[in-house]
């Protein structure tokens, strides 16, 4: 059993001392508060700002890339418009020519049925030849030659023009002249029931 030196222990206790009161800390100074704030709240604020700057930088990059892409699309669109502009000018020229052609065509009388009708009025096995048709507005002149001994062919044609043509009126034989072995004749008549031409595939209102 160890024996302690009582006097030595008492001496140590007296030198060290005991403080039963709560230690009073020194109130922090302004700089201490600032330092603590920098280490705490300011750090969060700084990190938040850095994140926001980073996000803004990424957005700027995306916007720049999108802007360059849009610029390229605009350039391609302008090139296409330039090509289409030239094509449009050609199309307008063709359209103007087509409209002019249509106007000329639709304002021109259709004489095909008339000519077919006149040919059908020629006598069978006729001696009439060199038949010439001349039209001036509403007046038609029909001339030709026939064999000298075939005057009846001319008279039969005269009758047919008067009675059997839906396109002629006031038909008269203006000239019947001997010329060696031929008869030269000329009829004159007024046109009627002549319609203007229509474009193939055109509707009733003239549209194609």
N, C-alpha and C. Protein backbone atom coordinates (compact mmCIF):
# COMPACT_ATOMS: atom_id res chain seq x y z
N UNK A 1 0.85 -1.17 0.00
CA UNK A 1 0.00 0.00 0.00
C UNK A 1 0.89 1.23 0.00
N UNK A 2 0.56 2.10 -0.98
CA UNK A 2 1.39 3.28 -1.18
C UNK A 2 0.94 4.36 -0.20
N UNK A 3 1.85 4.97 0.39
CA UNK A 3 1.57 6.05 1.32
C UNK A 3 1.93 7.36 0.66
N UNK A 4 1.00 8.25 0.67
CA UNK A 4 1.21 9.56 0.07
C UNK A 4 1.66 10.55 1.13
N UNK A 5 2.41 11.47 0.59
CA UNK A 5 2.88 12.54 1.47
C UNK A 5 1.81 13.58 1.50
N UNK A 6 1.14 13.65 2.70
CA UNK A 6 -0.01 14.54 2.85
C UNK A 6 0.41 15.97 2.66
N UNK A 7 1.49 16.37 3.11
CA UNK A 7 1.94 17.77 3.01
C UNK A 7 2.23 18.14 1.57
N UNK A 8 2.75 17.16 0.83
CA UNK A 8 3.05 17.44 -0.59
C UNK A 8 1.77 17.63 -1.36
N UNK A 9 0.77 16.85 -1.11
CA UNK A 9 -0.52 16.97 -1.82
C UNK A 9 -1.15 18.30 -1.49
N UNK A 10 -1.16 18.69 -0.25
CA UNK A 10 -1.73 19.98 0.14
C UNK A 10 -1.03 21.13 -0.57
N UNK A 11 0.27 21.01 -0.71
CA UNK A 11 1.04 22.07 -1.35
C UNK A 11 0.67 22.18 -2.81
N UNK A 12 0.49 21.05 -3.47
CA UNK A 12 0.11 21.06 -4.89
C UNK A 12 -1.26 21.65 -5.10
N UNK A 13 -2.18 21.31 -4.21
CA UNK A 13 -3.56 21.82 -4.31
C UNK A 13 -3.56 23.31 -4.12
N UNK A 14 -2.82 23.80 -3.20
CA UNK A 14 -2.79 25.24 -2.94
C UNK A 14 -2.19 25.99 -4.12
N UNK A 15 -1.16 25.40 -4.77
CA UNK A 15 -0.55 26.08 -5.90
C UNK A 15 -1.46 26.10 -7.13
N UNK A 16 -2.11 24.97 -7.41
CA UNK A 16 -2.97 24.90 -8.61
C UNK A 16 -4.25 25.66 -8.41
N UNK A 17 -4.93 25.49 -7.37
CA UNK A 17 -6.16 26.17 -7.02
C UNK A 17 -7.36 25.60 -7.76
N UNK A 18 -8.52 25.80 -7.17
CA UNK A 18 -9.79 25.39 -7.74
C UNK A 18 -10.66 26.60 -7.97
N UNK A 19 -11.35 26.69 -9.20
CA UNK A 19 -12.26 27.80 -9.54
C UNK A 19 -13.61 27.18 -9.83
N UNK A 20 -14.52 27.36 -8.84
CA UNK A 20 -15.85 26.77 -8.99
C UNK A 20 -16.80 27.65 -9.79
N UNK A 21 -16.44 28.87 -10.23
CA UNK A 21 -17.29 29.77 -11.01
C UNK A 21 -17.16 29.44 -12.51
N UNK A 22 -18.28 29.74 -13.27
CA UNK A 22 -18.29 29.53 -14.73
C UNK A 22 -17.35 30.50 -15.41
N UNK A 23 -16.56 29.97 -16.29
CA UNK A 23 -15.58 30.82 -16.97
C UNK A 23 -16.31 31.81 -17.86
N UNK A 24 -16.03 33.05 -17.74
CA UNK A 24 -16.64 34.12 -18.55
C UNK A 24 -15.78 34.38 -19.79
N UNK A 25 -16.37 34.08 -20.97
CA UNK A 25 -15.62 34.29 -22.23
C UNK A 25 -15.65 35.75 -22.59
N UNK A 26 -14.64 36.20 -23.27
CA UNK A 26 -14.54 37.59 -23.71
C UNK A 26 -15.51 37.81 -24.87
N UNK A 27 -16.32 38.85 -24.83
CA UNK A 27 -17.28 39.09 -25.94
C UNK A 27 -16.54 39.28 -27.25
N UNK A 28 -17.09 38.67 -28.35
CA UNK A 28 -16.40 38.75 -29.66
C UNK A 28 -16.36 40.18 -30.16
N UNK A 29 -15.31 40.48 -30.84
CA UNK A 29 -15.16 41.81 -31.42
C UNK A 29 -15.84 41.86 -32.79
N UNK A 30 -15.83 43.05 -33.36
CA UNK A 30 -16.46 43.21 -34.69
C UNK A 30 -15.74 42.38 -35.72
N UNK A 31 -14.45 42.37 -35.69
CA UNK A 31 -13.68 41.58 -36.66
C UNK A 31 -13.92 40.09 -36.51
N UNK A 32 -14.10 39.69 -35.24
CA UNK A 32 -14.41 38.27 -35.03
C UNK A 32 -15.74 37.90 -35.66
N UNK A 33 -16.74 38.79 -35.47
CA UNK A 33 -18.06 38.53 -36.08
C UNK A 33 -17.96 38.47 -37.61
N UNK A 34 -17.19 39.41 -38.17
CA UNK A 34 -17.03 39.41 -39.62
C UNK A 34 -16.34 38.13 -40.08
N UNK A 35 -15.35 37.73 -39.34
CA UNK A 35 -14.63 36.51 -39.69
C UNK A 35 -15.56 35.29 -39.65
N UNK A 36 -16.34 35.20 -38.58
CA UNK A 36 -17.29 34.09 -38.47
C UNK A 36 -18.33 34.12 -39.60
N UNK A 37 -18.77 35.35 -39.98
CA UNK A 37 -19.77 35.47 -41.05
C UNK A 37 -19.19 35.04 -42.40
N UNK A 38 -17.89 35.41 -42.61
CA UNK A 38 -17.23 35.01 -43.84
C UNK A 38 -17.12 33.49 -43.92
N UNK A 39 -16.80 32.88 -42.81
CA UNK A 39 -16.65 31.42 -42.80
C UNK A 39 -17.98 30.71 -42.94
N UNK A 40 -19.09 31.34 -42.61
CA UNK A 40 -20.39 30.69 -42.65
C UNK A 40 -21.27 31.18 -43.79
N UNK A 41 -22.03 32.24 -43.53
CA UNK A 41 -23.03 32.72 -44.49
C UNK A 41 -22.39 33.18 -45.79
N UNK A 42 -21.31 33.90 -45.73
CA UNK A 42 -20.69 34.43 -46.94
C UNK A 42 -20.24 33.32 -47.87
N UNK A 43 -19.77 32.22 -47.28
CA UNK A 43 -19.35 31.11 -48.12
C UNK A 43 -20.52 30.57 -48.94
N UNK A 44 -21.69 30.44 -48.29
CA UNK A 44 -22.88 29.95 -49.00
C UNK A 44 -23.26 30.91 -50.11
N UNK A 45 -23.21 32.23 -49.80
CA UNK A 45 -23.56 33.24 -50.81
C UNK A 45 -22.59 33.17 -51.98
N UNK A 46 -21.30 33.05 -51.71
CA UNK A 46 -20.30 32.99 -52.76
C UNK A 46 -20.49 31.76 -53.64
N UNK A 47 -20.75 30.63 -52.99
CA UNK A 47 -20.97 29.39 -53.76
C UNK A 47 -22.21 29.53 -54.64
N UNK A 48 -23.27 30.16 -54.08
CA UNK A 48 -24.51 30.35 -54.86
C UNK A 48 -24.25 31.25 -56.07
N UNK A 49 -23.49 32.32 -55.84
CA UNK A 49 -23.17 33.23 -56.95
C UNK A 49 -22.34 32.52 -58.02
N UNK A 50 -21.39 31.71 -57.58
CA UNK A 50 -20.57 30.97 -58.55
C UNK A 50 -21.42 30.01 -59.38
N UNK A 51 -22.38 29.36 -58.72
CA UNK A 51 -23.27 28.45 -59.45
C UNK A 51 -24.10 29.23 -60.47
N UNK A 52 -24.61 30.39 -60.05
CA UNK A 52 -25.41 31.21 -60.96
C UNK A 52 -24.58 31.69 -62.14
N UNK A 53 -23.34 32.09 -61.89
CA UNK A 53 -22.45 32.52 -62.98
C UNK A 53 -22.20 31.37 -63.94
N UNK A 54 -21.98 30.17 -63.37
CA UNK A 54 -21.75 29.01 -64.21
C UNK A 54 -22.97 28.70 -65.08
N UNK A 55 -24.16 28.78 -64.48
CA UNK A 55 -25.39 28.53 -65.24
C UNK A 55 -25.55 29.57 -66.35
N UNK A 56 -25.27 30.85 -66.01
CA UNK A 56 -25.37 31.90 -67.01
C UNK A 56 -24.38 31.67 -68.15
N UNK A 57 -23.20 31.20 -67.85
CA UNK A 57 -22.19 30.92 -68.87
C UNK A 57 -22.64 29.81 -69.80
N UNK A 58 -23.19 28.75 -69.20
CA UNK A 58 -23.70 27.63 -70.02
C UNK A 58 -24.84 28.11 -70.92
N UNK A 59 -25.76 28.91 -70.34
CA UNK A 59 -26.88 29.44 -71.14
C UNK A 59 -26.35 30.29 -72.29
N UNK A 60 -25.33 31.11 -72.02
CA UNK A 60 -24.76 31.95 -73.07
C UNK A 60 -24.18 31.11 -74.19
N UNK A 61 -23.50 30.03 -73.84
CA UNK A 61 -22.94 29.14 -74.86
C UNK A 61 -24.05 28.54 -75.71
N UNK A 62 -25.11 28.07 -75.04
CA UNK A 62 -26.24 27.46 -75.77
C UNK A 62 -26.88 28.48 -76.69
N UNK A 63 -27.09 29.69 -76.18
CA UNK A 63 -27.71 30.75 -77.00
C UNK A 63 -26.83 31.10 -78.19
N UNK A 64 -25.52 31.19 -77.99
CA UNK A 64 -24.61 31.50 -79.09
C UNK A 64 -24.66 30.41 -80.17
N UNK A 65 -24.65 29.15 -79.72
CA UNK A 65 -24.71 28.05 -80.69
C UNK A 65 -26.03 28.08 -81.46
N UNK A 66 -27.12 28.33 -80.72
CA UNK A 66 -28.44 28.41 -81.37
C UNK A 66 -28.50 29.59 -82.34
N UNK A 67 -27.87 30.71 -81.94
CA UNK A 67 -27.85 31.88 -82.82
C UNK A 67 -27.08 31.61 -84.10
N UNK A 68 -25.93 30.92 -83.99
CA UNK A 68 -25.17 30.58 -85.18
C UNK A 68 -25.95 29.63 -86.08
N UNK A 69 -26.66 28.69 -85.46
CA UNK A 69 -27.47 27.77 -86.25
C UNK A 69 -28.59 28.51 -86.99
N UNK A 70 -29.23 29.46 -86.30
CA UNK A 70 -30.28 30.25 -86.94
C UNK A 70 -29.73 31.11 -88.06
N UNK A 71 -28.53 31.68 -87.85
CA UNK A 71 -27.91 32.47 -88.91
C UNK A 71 -27.65 31.61 -90.14
N UNK A 72 -27.19 30.38 -89.92
CA UNK A 72 -26.95 29.48 -91.05
C UNK A 72 -28.26 29.16 -91.77
N UNK A 73 -29.33 28.92 -90.99
CA UNK A 73 -30.64 28.65 -91.59
C UNK A 73 -31.13 29.84 -92.40
N UNK A 74 -30.91 31.04 -91.86
CA UNK A 74 -31.33 32.25 -92.58
C UNK A 74 -30.57 32.39 -93.90
N UNK A 75 -29.26 32.12 -93.86
CA UNK A 75 -28.47 32.20 -95.09
C UNK A 75 -28.96 31.19 -96.12
N UNK A 76 -29.26 29.96 -95.66
CA UNK A 76 -29.77 28.96 -96.60
C UNK A 76 -31.13 29.39 -97.15
N UNK A 77 -31.97 29.95 -96.26
CA UNK A 77 -33.28 30.42 -96.72
C UNK A 77 -33.17 31.54 -97.73
N UNK A 78 -32.21 32.47 -97.51
CA UNK A 78 -32.02 33.57 -98.45
C UNK A 78 -31.54 33.04 -99.80
N UNK A 79 -30.67 32.02 -99.77
CA UNK A 79 -30.21 31.43 -101.03
C UNK A 79 -31.37 30.80 -101.79
N UNK A 80 -32.23 30.09 -101.05
CA UNK A 80 -33.41 29.47 -101.69
C UNK A 80 -34.33 30.55 -102.25
N UNK A 81 -34.52 31.64 -101.50
CA UNK A 81 -35.38 32.73 -101.98
C UNK A 81 -34.82 33.36 -103.24
N UNK A 82 -33.50 33.49 -103.31
CA UNK A 82 -32.89 34.05 -104.52
C UNK A 82 -33.18 33.18 -105.73
N UNK A 83 -33.06 31.86 -105.53
CA UNK A 83 -33.35 30.93 -106.63
C UNK A 83 -34.83 31.01 -107.01
N UNK A 84 -35.70 31.02 -105.99
CA UNK A 84 -37.14 31.08 -106.26
C UNK A 84 -37.53 32.41 -106.90
N UNK A 85 -36.81 33.48 -106.56
CA UNK A 85 -37.10 34.78 -107.15
C UNK A 85 -36.88 34.74 -108.66
N UNK A 86 -35.76 34.14 -109.07
CA UNK A 86 -35.50 34.01 -110.50
C UNK A 86 -36.55 33.13 -111.17
N UNK A 87 -36.92 32.03 -110.49
CA UNK A 87 -37.95 31.15 -111.05
C UNK A 87 -39.29 31.86 -111.12
N UNK A 88 -39.57 32.70 -110.11
CA UNK A 88 -40.83 33.43 -110.10
C UNK A 88 -40.91 34.40 -111.27
N UNK A 89 -39.78 35.07 -111.59
CA UNK A 89 -39.77 35.98 -112.73
C UNK A 89 -40.06 35.22 -114.02
N UNK A 90 -39.42 34.05 -114.18
CA UNK A 90 -39.70 33.25 -115.36
C UNK A 90 -41.15 32.80 -115.40
N UNK A 91 -41.67 32.43 -114.23
CA UNK A 91 -43.06 31.98 -114.16
C UNK A 91 -44.02 33.11 -114.53
N UNK A 92 -43.72 34.33 -114.06
CA UNK A 92 -44.58 35.47 -114.39
C UNK A 92 -44.55 35.77 -115.89
N UNK A 93 -43.38 35.63 -116.51
CA UNK A 93 -43.28 35.84 -117.95
C UNK A 93 -44.13 34.81 -118.69
N UNK A 94 -44.00 33.53 -118.27
CA UNK A 94 -44.79 32.47 -118.90
C UNK A 94 -46.28 32.70 -118.67
N UNK A 95 -46.63 33.15 -117.45
CA UNK A 95 -48.02 33.41 -117.12
C UNK A 95 -48.59 34.53 -118.00
N UNK A 96 -47.78 35.59 -118.20
CA UNK A 96 -48.24 36.70 -119.04
C UNK A 96 -48.42 36.24 -120.49
N UNK A 97 -47.48 35.43 -120.99
CA UNK A 97 -47.60 34.92 -122.35
C UNK A 97 -48.83 34.02 -122.49
N UNK A 98 -49.05 33.18 -121.47
CA UNK A 98 -50.21 32.29 -121.50
C UNK A 98 -51.51 33.08 -121.51
N UNK A 99 -51.56 34.15 -120.69
CA UNK A 99 -52.77 34.97 -120.65
C UNK A 99 -53.01 35.65 -122.00
N UNK A 100 -51.92 36.15 -122.63
CA UNK A 100 -52.06 36.77 -123.94
C UNK A 100 -52.52 35.76 -124.98
N UNK A 101 -51.93 34.57 -124.95
CA UNK A 101 -52.34 33.51 -125.88
C UNK A 101 -53.80 33.13 -125.68
N UNK A 102 -54.21 33.03 -124.42
CA UNK A 102 -55.58 32.68 -124.13
C UNK A 102 -56.54 33.74 -124.66
N UNK A 103 -56.17 35.02 -124.48
CA UNK A 103 -57.04 36.10 -124.94
C UNK A 103 -57.17 36.07 -126.47
N UNK A 104 -56.02 35.87 -127.14
CA UNK A 104 -56.05 35.81 -128.60
C UNK A 104 -56.87 34.62 -129.07
N UNK A 105 -56.65 33.49 -128.41
CA UNK A 105 -57.34 32.26 -128.82
C UNK A 105 -58.86 32.37 -128.62
N UNK A 106 -59.26 32.82 -127.43
CA UNK A 106 -60.70 32.86 -127.13
C UNK A 106 -61.43 33.97 -127.88
N UNK A 107 -60.66 34.95 -128.40
CA UNK A 107 -61.29 36.01 -129.19
C UNK A 107 -61.29 35.69 -130.69
N UNK A 108 -60.81 34.51 -131.04
CA UNK A 108 -60.75 34.09 -132.45
C UNK A 108 -61.92 33.16 -132.75
N UNK A 109 -62.70 33.47 -133.78
CA UNK A 109 -63.82 32.58 -134.13
C UNK A 109 -63.32 31.21 -134.54
N UNK A 110 -64.12 30.20 -134.27
CA UNK A 110 -63.79 28.83 -134.62
C UNK A 110 -64.48 28.50 -135.95
N UNK A 111 -63.65 28.41 -136.99
CA UNK A 111 -64.21 28.18 -138.33
C UNK A 111 -64.12 26.72 -138.75
N UNK A 112 -63.66 25.86 -137.87
CA UNK A 112 -63.47 24.46 -138.27
C UNK A 112 -64.79 23.80 -138.67
N UNK A 113 -65.84 24.05 -137.89
CA UNK A 113 -67.14 23.45 -138.23
C UNK A 113 -67.68 24.03 -139.53
N UNK A 114 -67.43 25.33 -139.77
CA UNK A 114 -67.88 25.97 -141.00
C UNK A 114 -67.21 25.35 -142.21
N UNK A 115 -65.90 25.19 -142.15
CA UNK A 115 -65.17 24.63 -143.29
C UNK A 115 -65.60 23.18 -143.54
N UNK A 116 -65.79 22.44 -142.47
CA UNK A 116 -66.25 21.06 -142.61
C UNK A 116 -67.64 21.03 -143.26
N UNK A 117 -68.49 21.98 -142.86
CA UNK A 117 -69.83 22.03 -143.44
C UNK A 117 -69.79 22.36 -144.94
N UNK A 118 -68.93 23.33 -145.31
CA UNK A 118 -68.83 23.70 -146.73
C UNK A 118 -68.33 22.51 -147.55
N UNK A 119 -67.36 21.79 -147.05
CA UNK A 119 -66.85 20.61 -147.77
C UNK A 119 -67.94 19.55 -147.93
N UNK A 120 -68.79 19.44 -146.92
CA UNK A 120 -69.86 18.45 -147.02
C UNK A 120 -70.94 18.85 -148.02
N UNK A 121 -71.00 20.13 -148.37
CA UNK A 121 -72.01 20.61 -149.31
C UNK A 121 -71.59 20.46 -150.76
N UNK A 122 -70.34 20.10 -151.00
CA UNK A 122 -69.88 19.88 -152.37
C UNK A 122 -70.59 18.67 -152.96
N UNK A 123 -71.02 18.75 -154.21
CA UNK A 123 -71.69 17.60 -154.84
C UNK A 123 -70.79 16.37 -154.91
N UNK A 124 -71.42 15.20 -154.91
CA UNK A 124 -70.66 13.96 -155.01
C UNK A 124 -70.04 13.86 -156.40
N UNK A 125 -68.78 13.39 -156.42
CA UNK A 125 -68.06 13.26 -157.71
C UNK A 125 -68.04 14.60 -158.46
N UNK A 126 -67.85 15.67 -157.69
CA UNK A 126 -67.87 17.00 -158.28
C UNK A 126 -66.62 17.28 -159.08
N UNK A 127 -66.77 18.16 -160.03
CA UNK A 127 -65.62 18.62 -160.82
C UNK A 127 -65.03 19.89 -160.25
N UNK A 128 -65.62 20.37 -159.13
CA UNK A 128 -65.13 21.60 -158.52
C UNK A 128 -63.77 21.35 -157.88
N UNK A 129 -62.84 22.27 -158.09
CA UNK A 129 -61.50 22.17 -157.54
C UNK A 129 -60.99 23.56 -157.21
N UNK A 130 -59.83 23.56 -156.60
CA UNK A 130 -59.19 24.82 -156.21
C UNK A 130 -60.16 25.71 -155.44
N UNK A 131 -60.85 25.09 -154.48
CA UNK A 131 -61.82 25.84 -153.66
C UNK A 131 -61.05 26.74 -152.68
N UNK A 132 -61.38 28.02 -152.69
CA UNK A 132 -60.71 29.00 -151.83
C UNK A 132 -61.76 29.69 -150.97
N UNK A 133 -61.47 29.78 -149.68
CA UNK A 133 -62.39 30.43 -148.73
C UNK A 133 -61.68 31.62 -148.12
N UNK A 134 -62.31 32.76 -148.20
CA UNK A 134 -61.76 34.00 -147.63
C UNK A 134 -62.80 34.60 -146.70
N UNK A 135 -62.38 34.92 -145.46
CA UNK A 135 -63.30 35.45 -144.45
C UNK A 135 -62.81 36.81 -144.00
N UNK A 136 -63.70 37.78 -144.04
CA UNK A 136 -63.41 39.12 -143.57
C UNK A 136 -64.52 39.51 -142.59
N UNK A 137 -64.19 39.37 -141.29
CA UNK A 137 -65.17 39.62 -140.23
C UNK A 137 -66.39 38.71 -140.40
N UNK A 138 -67.55 39.27 -140.82
CA UNK A 138 -68.76 38.46 -140.93
C UNK A 138 -69.09 38.09 -142.38
N UNK A 139 -68.21 38.43 -143.31
CA UNK A 139 -68.44 38.14 -144.72
C UNK A 139 -67.49 37.03 -145.17
N UNK A 140 -68.05 36.04 -145.87
CA UNK A 140 -67.26 34.94 -146.39
C UNK A 140 -67.38 34.92 -147.91
N UNK A 141 -66.25 34.69 -148.55
CA UNK A 141 -66.20 34.58 -150.01
C UNK A 141 -65.66 33.20 -150.36
N UNK A 142 -66.40 32.46 -151.18
CA UNK A 142 -66.01 31.11 -151.59
C UNK A 142 -65.82 31.13 -153.10
N UNK A 143 -64.64 30.80 -153.53
CA UNK A 143 -64.36 30.80 -154.97
C UNK A 143 -63.68 29.51 -155.37
N UNK A 144 -63.77 29.21 -156.67
CA UNK A 144 -63.15 28.00 -157.18
C UNK A 144 -63.39 27.86 -158.67
N UNK A 145 -63.03 26.69 -159.18
CA UNK A 145 -63.21 26.40 -160.62
C UNK A 145 -63.89 25.05 -160.75
N UNK A 146 -64.59 24.90 -161.90
CA UNK A 146 -65.25 23.64 -162.21
C UNK A 146 -65.12 23.38 -163.70
N UNK A 147 -65.37 22.15 -164.07
CA UNK A 147 -65.32 21.83 -165.50
C UNK A 147 -66.38 22.62 -166.24
N UNK A 148 -66.06 23.02 -167.48
CA UNK A 148 -66.95 23.90 -168.23
C UNK A 148 -68.30 23.27 -168.48
N UNK A 149 -68.30 21.96 -168.67
CA UNK A 149 -69.55 21.28 -168.94
C UNK A 149 -70.22 20.77 -167.68
N UNK A 150 -69.74 21.23 -166.50
CA UNK A 150 -70.31 20.81 -165.21
C UNK A 150 -70.85 22.02 -164.45
N UNK A 151 -71.59 22.88 -165.15
CA UNK A 151 -72.16 24.04 -164.47
C UNK A 151 -73.16 23.61 -163.41
N UNK A 152 -73.77 22.42 -163.61
CA UNK A 152 -74.74 21.94 -162.62
C UNK A 152 -74.09 21.72 -161.25
N UNK A 153 -72.80 21.40 -161.24
CA UNK A 153 -72.09 21.26 -159.95
C UNK A 153 -72.08 22.60 -159.21
N UNK A 154 -71.86 23.68 -159.94
CA UNK A 154 -71.84 25.00 -159.32
C UNK A 154 -73.24 25.37 -158.83
N UNK A 155 -74.26 25.05 -159.63
CA UNK A 155 -75.63 25.37 -159.24
C UNK A 155 -76.07 24.54 -158.02
N UNK A 156 -75.63 23.30 -157.97
CA UNK A 156 -75.97 22.47 -156.82
C UNK A 156 -75.29 22.99 -155.56
N UNK A 157 -74.05 23.42 -155.70
CA UNK A 157 -73.35 24.00 -154.55
C UNK A 157 -74.04 25.29 -154.11
N UNK A 158 -74.49 26.09 -155.06
CA UNK A 158 -75.22 27.32 -154.72
C UNK A 158 -76.47 27.00 -153.90
N UNK A 159 -77.21 25.98 -154.33
CA UNK A 159 -78.42 25.59 -153.61
C UNK A 159 -78.11 25.08 -152.21
N UNK A 160 -77.06 24.28 -152.10
CA UNK A 160 -76.69 23.74 -150.79
C UNK A 160 -76.25 24.85 -149.83
N UNK A 161 -75.50 25.84 -150.34
CA UNK A 161 -75.05 26.93 -149.48
C UNK A 161 -76.24 27.75 -148.97
N UNK A 162 -77.26 27.87 -149.80
CA UNK A 162 -78.43 28.66 -149.38
C UNK A 162 -79.31 27.89 -148.39
N UNK A 163 -79.47 26.60 -148.61
CA UNK A 163 -80.50 25.86 -147.87
C UNK A 163 -79.96 24.93 -146.79
N UNK A 164 -78.72 24.51 -146.90
CA UNK A 164 -78.24 23.42 -146.03
C UNK A 164 -77.07 23.81 -145.13
N UNK A 165 -76.79 25.07 -145.00
CA UNK A 165 -75.68 25.48 -144.12
C UNK A 165 -76.23 26.27 -142.95
N UNK A 166 -76.00 25.78 -141.70
CA UNK A 166 -76.44 26.55 -140.53
C UNK A 166 -75.54 27.74 -140.21
N UNK A 167 -74.46 27.88 -140.98
CA UNK A 167 -73.49 28.95 -140.68
C UNK A 167 -73.53 30.10 -141.69
N UNK A 168 -74.33 29.96 -142.76
CA UNK A 168 -74.36 30.97 -143.82
C UNK A 168 -75.77 31.49 -144.02
N UNK A 169 -75.83 32.77 -144.37
CA UNK A 169 -77.10 33.39 -144.72
C UNK A 169 -76.84 34.40 -145.84
N UNK A 170 -77.90 34.68 -146.62
CA UNK A 170 -77.79 35.63 -147.75
C UNK A 170 -76.71 35.20 -148.74
N UNK A 171 -76.65 33.91 -149.01
CA UNK A 171 -75.66 33.40 -149.95
C UNK A 171 -76.07 33.73 -151.38
N UNK A 172 -75.13 34.28 -152.14
CA UNK A 172 -75.39 34.66 -153.55
C UNK A 172 -74.21 34.26 -154.41
N UNK A 173 -74.53 33.93 -155.66
CA UNK A 173 -73.50 33.64 -156.63
C UNK A 173 -73.12 34.95 -157.31
N UNK A 174 -71.96 35.46 -156.99
CA UNK A 174 -71.55 36.77 -157.50
C UNK A 174 -70.90 36.68 -158.88
N UNK A 175 -70.26 35.58 -159.16
CA UNK A 175 -69.54 35.49 -160.43
C UNK A 175 -69.56 34.06 -160.94
N UNK A 176 -69.84 33.94 -162.23
CA UNK A 176 -69.74 32.65 -162.93
C UNK A 176 -69.21 32.97 -164.33
N UNK A 177 -67.95 32.62 -164.57
CA UNK A 177 -67.27 33.08 -165.76
C UNK A 177 -66.57 31.92 -166.45
N UNK A 178 -66.70 31.92 -167.81
CA UNK A 178 -66.00 30.93 -168.60
C UNK A 178 -64.54 31.32 -168.73
N UNK A 179 -63.67 30.31 -168.65
CA UNK A 179 -62.25 30.54 -168.84
C UNK A 179 -61.67 29.30 -169.50
N UNK A 180 -61.59 29.35 -170.81
CA UNK A 180 -61.14 28.22 -171.61
C UNK A 180 -62.05 27.02 -171.33
N UNK A 181 -61.52 25.95 -170.76
CA UNK A 181 -62.32 24.76 -170.49
C UNK A 181 -62.84 24.73 -169.07
N UNK A 182 -62.74 25.85 -168.30
CA UNK A 182 -63.13 25.88 -166.89
C UNK A 182 -64.17 26.96 -166.65
N UNK A 183 -64.90 26.75 -165.59
CA UNK A 183 -65.82 27.76 -165.09
C UNK A 183 -65.25 28.31 -163.79
N UNK A 184 -65.12 29.62 -163.71
CA UNK A 184 -64.67 30.27 -162.49
C UNK A 184 -65.89 30.86 -161.79
N UNK A 185 -66.02 30.54 -160.52
CA UNK A 185 -67.20 31.02 -159.78
C UNK A 185 -66.78 31.65 -158.46
N UNK A 186 -67.72 32.41 -157.89
CA UNK A 186 -67.47 33.04 -156.59
C UNK A 186 -68.80 33.27 -155.89
N UNK A 187 -68.88 32.76 -154.66
CA UNK A 187 -70.05 32.96 -153.80
C UNK A 187 -69.71 33.97 -152.71
N UNK A 188 -70.74 34.65 -152.27
CA UNK A 188 -70.58 35.60 -151.16
C UNK A 188 -71.74 35.38 -150.20
N UNK A 189 -71.41 35.32 -148.86
CA UNK A 189 -72.46 35.06 -147.87
C UNK A 189 -72.08 35.74 -146.56
N UNK A 190 -73.08 35.79 -145.66
CA UNK A 190 -72.87 36.36 -144.33
C UNK A 190 -72.81 35.22 -143.31
N UNK A 191 -71.85 35.32 -142.42
CA UNK A 191 -71.68 34.26 -141.41
C UNK A 191 -72.69 34.41 -140.28
N UNK A 192 -73.04 33.28 -139.66
CA UNK A 192 -73.87 33.28 -138.47
C UNK A 192 -73.54 32.04 -137.64
N UNK A 193 -73.90 32.10 -136.38
CA UNK A 193 -73.72 30.96 -135.46
C UNK A 193 -72.25 30.52 -135.36
N UNK A 194 -71.33 31.48 -135.47
CA UNK A 194 -69.90 31.16 -135.33
C UNK A 194 -69.48 31.47 -133.90
N UNK A 195 -69.03 30.44 -133.20
CA UNK A 195 -68.57 30.60 -131.82
C UNK A 195 -67.06 30.82 -131.78
N UNK A 196 -66.63 31.47 -130.72
CA UNK A 196 -65.19 31.65 -130.51
C UNK A 196 -64.55 30.34 -130.07
N UNK A 197 -63.26 30.26 -130.24
CA UNK A 197 -62.53 29.07 -129.84
C UNK A 197 -62.50 28.93 -128.33
N UNK A 198 -62.41 27.71 -127.86
CA UNK A 198 -62.22 27.45 -126.43
C UNK A 198 -60.95 26.64 -126.26
N UNK A 199 -60.25 26.93 -125.17
CA UNK A 199 -59.01 26.20 -124.90
C UNK A 199 -59.32 24.76 -124.51
N UNK A 200 -58.51 23.81 -124.98
CA UNK A 200 -58.72 22.41 -124.57
C UNK A 200 -58.63 22.27 -123.06
N UNK A 201 -59.61 21.59 -122.49
CA UNK A 201 -59.61 21.38 -121.04
C UNK A 201 -60.14 22.55 -120.26
N UNK A 202 -60.65 23.62 -120.92
CA UNK A 202 -61.17 24.79 -120.21
C UNK A 202 -62.56 24.50 -119.69
N UNK A 203 -62.86 25.08 -118.53
CA UNK A 203 -64.18 24.94 -117.92
C UNK A 203 -65.11 25.99 -118.50
N UNK A 204 -66.34 26.02 -118.00
CA UNK A 204 -67.32 26.97 -118.49
C UNK A 204 -66.93 28.41 -118.24
N UNK A 205 -66.21 28.65 -117.16
CA UNK A 205 -65.81 30.02 -116.85
C UNK A 205 -64.48 30.40 -117.48
N UNK A 206 -63.95 29.52 -118.35
CA UNK A 206 -62.72 29.84 -119.06
C UNK A 206 -61.48 29.41 -118.36
N UNK A 207 -61.59 28.87 -117.14
CA UNK A 207 -60.40 28.43 -116.40
C UNK A 207 -59.91 27.12 -116.96
N UNK A 208 -58.59 26.94 -116.90
CA UNK A 208 -58.00 25.70 -117.41
C UNK A 208 -57.76 24.75 -116.27
